[in-house]
């Protein structure tokens, strides 16, 4: 069968790369989770007032960003229409298209 050598090389290459990574004592994704019993772990508790202030600040930033995006899209459309008009009417520059 064709391709046996290249597949064997790929398998050996993967195994070698795995050996290079080494055993980092991570069994699965749950090991990345930080438990509350971890020493030095101090979760910050937010009050409802702080959460409301954060929500209001994020909403106002999103509104400003959305307005800026709409303005930029509107200006882009106007510039595109203007360029199409200029290209289609080259006579005002004195250039005659050869058709």
C-alpha atoms as a PDB file:
ATOM      1  CA  UNK A   1       0.000   0.000   0.000  1.00  0.00           C
ATOM      2  CA  UNK A   2       1.257   3.433  -0.871  1.00  0.00           C
ATOM      3  CA  UNK A   3       1.922   5.970   1.847  1.00  0.00           C
ATOM      4  CA  UNK A   4       2.819   3.548   4.635  1.00  0.00           C
ATOM      5  CA  UNK A   5       6.228   5.102   5.176  1.00  0.00           C
ATOM      6  CA  UNK A   6       4.932   8.640   5.348  1.00  0.00           C
ATOM      7  CA  UNK A   7       2.188   7.664   7.814  1.00  0.00           C
ATOM      8  CA  UNK A   8       4.702   5.831   9.995  1.00  0.00           C
ATOM      9  CA  UNK A   9       6.878   8.947   9.967  1.00  0.00           C
ATOM     10  CA  UNK A  10       3.906  11.089  10.984  1.00  0.00           C
ATOM     11  CA  UNK A  11       3.048   8.754  13.866  1.00  0.00           C
ATOM     12  CA  UNK A  12       6.654   8.715  15.093  1.00  0.00           C
ATOM     13  CA  UNK A  13       6.860  12.486  14.789  1.00  0.00           C
ATOM     14  CA  UNK A  14       3.735  12.903  16.940  1.00  0.00           C
ATOM     15  CA  UNK A  15       5.102  10.513  19.535  1.00  0.00           C
ATOM     16  CA  UNK A  16       8.421  12.359  19.622  1.00  0.00           C
ATOM     17  CA  UNK A  17       6.664  15.712  20.059  1.00  0.00           C
ATOM     18  CA  UNK A  18       4.642  14.231  22.906  1.00  0.00           C
ATOM     19  CA  UNK A  19       7.847  13.107  24.606  1.00  0.00           C
ATOM     20  CA  UNK A  20       9.312  16.593  24.223  1.00  0.00           C
ATOM     21  CA  UNK A  21       6.329  18.125  25.988  1.00  0.00           C
ATOM     22  CA  UNK A  22       6.891  15.820  28.898  1.00  0.00           C
ATOM     23  CA  UNK A  23       4.543  14.907  31.674  1.00  0.00           C
ATOM     24  CA  UNK A  24       3.222  18.072  33.177  1.00  0.00           C
ATOM     25  CA  UNK A  25       0.998  16.311  35.685  1.00  0.00           C
ATOM     26  CA  UNK A  26      -2.168  17.417  33.947  1.00  0.00           C
ATOM     27  CA  UNK A  27      -4.664  14.668  33.572  1.00  0.00           C
ATOM     28  CA  UNK A  28      -7.524  16.602  32.012  1.00  0.00           C
ATOM     29  CA  UNK A  29      -9.089  20.041  31.687  1.00  0.00           C
ATOM     30  CA  UNK A  30     -10.439  19.969  35.241  1.00  0.00           C
ATOM     31  CA  UNK A  31      -6.892  20.331  36.554  1.00  0.00           C
ATOM     32  CA  UNK A  32      -6.825  23.871  35.191  1.00  0.00           C
ATOM     33  CA  UNK A  33      -9.766  24.890  37.347  1.00  0.00           C
ATOM     34  CA  UNK A  34      -8.870  26.851  40.472  1.00  0.00           C
ATOM     35  CA  UNK A  35     -10.592  25.545  43.546  1.00  0.00           C
ATOM     36  CA  UNK A  36     -11.757  27.788  46.362  1.00  0.00           C
ATOM     37  CA  UNK A  37      -9.651  25.737  48.740  1.00  0.00           C
ATOM     38  CA  UNK A  38      -6.482  26.757  46.911  1.00  0.00           C
ATOM     39  CA  UNK A  39      -4.219  28.712  49.244  1.00  0.00           C
ATOM     40  CA  UNK A  40      -4.008  32.363  48.302  1.00  0.00           C
ATOM     41  CA  UNK A  41      -7.252  32.256  46.325  1.00  0.00           C
ATOM     42  CA  UNK A  42      -9.309  35.300  47.220  1.00  0.00           C
ATOM     43  CA  UNK A  43     -12.276  35.837  44.907  1.00  0.00           C
ATOM     44  CA  UNK A  44     -13.466  39.419  44.674  1.00  0.00           C
ATOM     45  CA  UNK A  45     -17.141  39.784  45.487  1.00  0.00           C
ATOM     46  CA  UNK A  46     -18.955  42.572  43.693  1.00  0.00           C
ATOM     47  CA  UNK A  47     -21.908  44.372  45.162  1.00  0.00           C
ATOM     48  CA  UNK A  48     -25.067  44.827  43.094  1.00  0.00           C
ATOM     49  CA  UNK A  49     -24.276  48.559  42.840  1.00  0.00           C
ATOM     50  CA  UNK A  50     -20.858  47.818  41.367  1.00  0.00           C
ATOM     51  CA  UNK A  51     -22.370  45.360  38.911  1.00  0.00           C
ATOM     52  CA  UNK A  52     -24.959  47.936  37.848  1.00  0.00           C
ATOM     53  CA  UNK A  53     -22.227  50.561  37.358  1.00  0.00           C
ATOM     54  CA  UNK A  54     -20.198  48.132  35.251  1.00  0.00           C
ATOM     55  CA  UNK A  55     -23.272  47.226  33.202  1.00  0.00           C
ATOM     56  CA  UNK A  56     -24.108  50.904  32.601  1.00  0.00           C
ATOM     57  CA  UNK A  57     -20.506  51.706  31.617  1.00  0.00           C
ATOM     58  CA  UNK A  58     -20.367  48.791  29.178  1.00  0.00           C
ATOM     59  CA  UNK A  59     -23.707  49.725  27.631  1.00  0.00           C
ATOM     60  CA  UNK A  60     -22.628  53.323  27.109  1.00  0.00           C
ATOM     61  CA  UNK A  61     -19.337  52.216  25.511  1.00  0.00           C
ATOM     62  CA  UNK A  62     -21.215  49.829  23.229  1.00  0.00           C
ATOM     63  CA  UNK A  63     -23.619  52.601  22.176  1.00  0.00           C
ATOM     64  CA  UNK A  64     -20.725  54.932  21.332  1.00  0.00           C
ATOM     65  CA  UNK A  65     -18.968  52.174  19.395  1.00  0.00           C
ATOM     66  CA  UNK A  66     -22.146  51.322  17.478  1.00  0.00           C
ATOM     67  CA  UNK A  67     -22.730  54.993  16.567  1.00  0.00           C
ATOM     68  CA  UNK A  68     -19.146  55.272  15.342  1.00  0.00           C
ATOM     69  CA  UNK A  69     -19.531  52.114  13.236  1.00  0.00           C
ATOM     70  CA  UNK A  70     -22.773  53.370  11.672  1.00  0.00           C
ATOM     71  CA  UNK A  71     -21.188  56.746  10.892  1.00  0.00           C
ATOM     72  CA  UNK A  72     -18.146  55.075   9.342  1.00  0.00           C
ATOM     73  CA  UNK A  73     -20.348  52.782   7.217  1.00  0.00           C
ATOM     74  CA  UNK A  74     -22.452  55.754   6.074  1.00  0.00           C
ATOM     75  CA  UNK A  75     -19.376  57.773   5.127  1.00  0.00           C
ATOM     76  CA  UNK A  76     -17.893  54.779   3.301  1.00  0.00           C
ATOM     77  CA  UNK A  77     -21.054  54.384   1.252  1.00  0.00           C
ATOM     78  CA  UNK A  78     -21.039  58.075   0.365  1.00  0.00           C
ATOM     79  CA  UNK A  79     -17.371  57.937  -0.681  1.00  0.00           C
ATOM     80  CA  UNK A  80     -18.022  54.808  -2.778  1.00  0.00           C
ATOM     81  CA  UNK A  81     -20.971  56.443  -4.547  1.00  0.00           C
ATOM     82  CA  UNK A  82     -18.893  59.569  -5.174  1.00  0.00           C
ATOM     83  CA  UNK A  83     -16.029  57.522  -6.633  1.00  0.00           C
ATOM     84  CA  UNK A  84     -18.407  55.608  -8.897  1.00  0.00           C
ATOM     85  CA  UNK A  85     -19.893  58.888 -10.104  1.00  0.00           C
ATOM     86  CA  UNK A  86     -16.458  60.379 -10.782  1.00  0.00           C
ATOM     87  CA  UNK A  87     -15.228  57.297 -12.628  1.00  0.00           C
ATOM     88  CA  UNK A  88     -18.370  57.056 -14.726  1.00  0.00           C
ATOM     89  CA  UNK A  89     -18.167  60.763 -15.723  1.00  0.00           C
ATOM     90  CA  UNK A  90     -14.530  61.198 -16.759  1.00  0.00           C
ATOM     91  CA  UNK A  91     -15.477  63.965 -19.230  1.00  0.00           C
ATOM     92  CA  UNK A  92     -15.160  66.701 -16.611  1.00  0.00           C
ATOM     93  CA  UNK A  93     -11.458  65.969 -16.298  1.00  0.00           C
ATOM     94  CA  UNK A  94     -10.984  66.030 -20.060  1.00  0.00           C
ATOM     95  CA  UNK A  95     -10.284  62.322 -20.370  1.00  0.00           C
ATOM     96  CA  UNK A  96     -12.349  60.532 -22.985  1.00  0.00           C
ATOM     97  CA  UNK A  97     -12.719  56.779 -22.645  1.00  0.00           C
ATOM     98  CA  UNK A  98     -12.033  54.870 -25.884  1.00  0.00           C
ATOM     99  CA  UNK A  99     -15.034  52.661 -26.558  1.00  0.00           C
END
